[in-house]
Amino acid sequence: MLSLVLGCSISRLSLNWLRRKQFRASVHSARAASSGMLRAASRAMLAAGRAKAKAKAKAGEGEGGRGGLSEEEAAQYDRQIRLWGLEAQKRLRASRVLLVGLRGLGAEVAKNLILAGVKAVTLLDPQQVSPEDTQTQFLIPLGSVGKNRAEASLARARDLNPMVDVKADQESVERKPEEFFTRFDVVCVTCCSQEVLLKVDQICHKNGVKFFAGDVFGYHGYMFADLGGHEFVEEKTKPAKTSQSMEDRPDAKKAKLDFVETTMVKKRMTFCLLKEAFGITWSTEKGQAALKRTTPDYFLLRVLLKFRTEKGRDPALQACVEDAETLLQTRRGVLASLGVGADLIPDNFTSCCFSEMASVCAVVGGVLGQEIVKALSQRDAPLNNFFFFDGLKGNGIVECLAPS
């Protein structure tokens, strides 16, 4: 009797195990089929999107649009074309950029512009690769210490996008004549003294070349833009008008939310020179009122640029004690010359201004690259005119600082 009961129990257990196994197999089969269908649908959507982008590019070439795209380019940039439109991508593909300074921030900007698909990028840097550069500059291969920074960055920069013409220039930007800068649509300057920044901006502003500047000092970074008189288009949405018959339907409320019209609005924005942004008088009544709304990072930038001009370099970890004392003295002199209180920048700022932080380079380089793309594509409103990032607080702020 016991053996019969055990036999029946074992049979039930075997039958239940077999049923569970069959059920799991059917579920697995259904999941596999569903996953296969999703992958097939995804491939079909991607192929359709690429075909649509190619058709748009072909139509653009037929219409004689600026910088017509080939089928290969349309396939490469199909997502970007769907994001900001064919005309914006064609403007990018016809643009030439000069990038001065190939440290950590310069590498981030170069990467973003090359991947975006501009026509050509010239990397200009007369300096040699230092051991510190290898910590934040990902375009420089190992074992490049002592080589020119621009030349050392060239191979990896070209590998990012073979469709972009990337060149290296080892000559100092100070030796370049005025006509050199007129060959480009955008000039972006990093790692330069205040005197060089002002000079290059003056040349670019005079010749209608869009000018950008940026730097990273430890946990702090900034970006400045001078686009002169800049025209751009901005996408605006508004609810579409619905007919009376649709309004009488029960789902009319939902329909009103779904039906929207998209229009492109043309706008214009005027930018001032960097010299004018640095020439604000803070001691006047109007200046004192503006001082309350201005981030201290602006004044910290003035101090750090003054240090760079006097020392010919940025604050270095190898001389941190000496440089910290020099920074405090420079702060007193700069703030006094601007007519603001010395307590505007706290004494502990000196501990946060050494070397380049890779994470800060990534943030500032992302914003700088984005603004250059917006300026070249003439799509969306640009930041006017400063962007400051504080890595300690993890936040950024846009400041419009001009004489008016």
Foldseek 3Di string as FASTA:
>chain_A
DVVVVVVVVVVVVVVVVVVVVVVVVVVVVVVVVVVVVVVVVVVVVLVVLLVVLQVVLVVCVVVVAAQRDHSVVSNLCSVVCVVFHDLLLSLQQAFEEEEEDQALLSQLLLLLSVSSHHAEYEYEAQDFDDPLRVVRRPLADPPRGGPTRQVRNQPSSCVSHVNHHYYYHNDDPVPDDLVVQLVGQEYEHEPDAPVSLQVNLVSCLVNQHKYKYKYFFFQKIKIWTARAKAKFKEKDKDFDDDDPVLCPDPCSVVVRVVHMDIDIDMDIDGADGPVQLVPAQLQDPVNVVVVVVDQLVVLVVVLQSVVCVVVVHGQEPVCLVVVLVVSLVSLVVSCVVSPHDSPSDPSPVSVRGYRGDNVSSNVVSVLVSVQVSCRSSSYDDHQATMKMGGNVVGDIDGDHGGRD
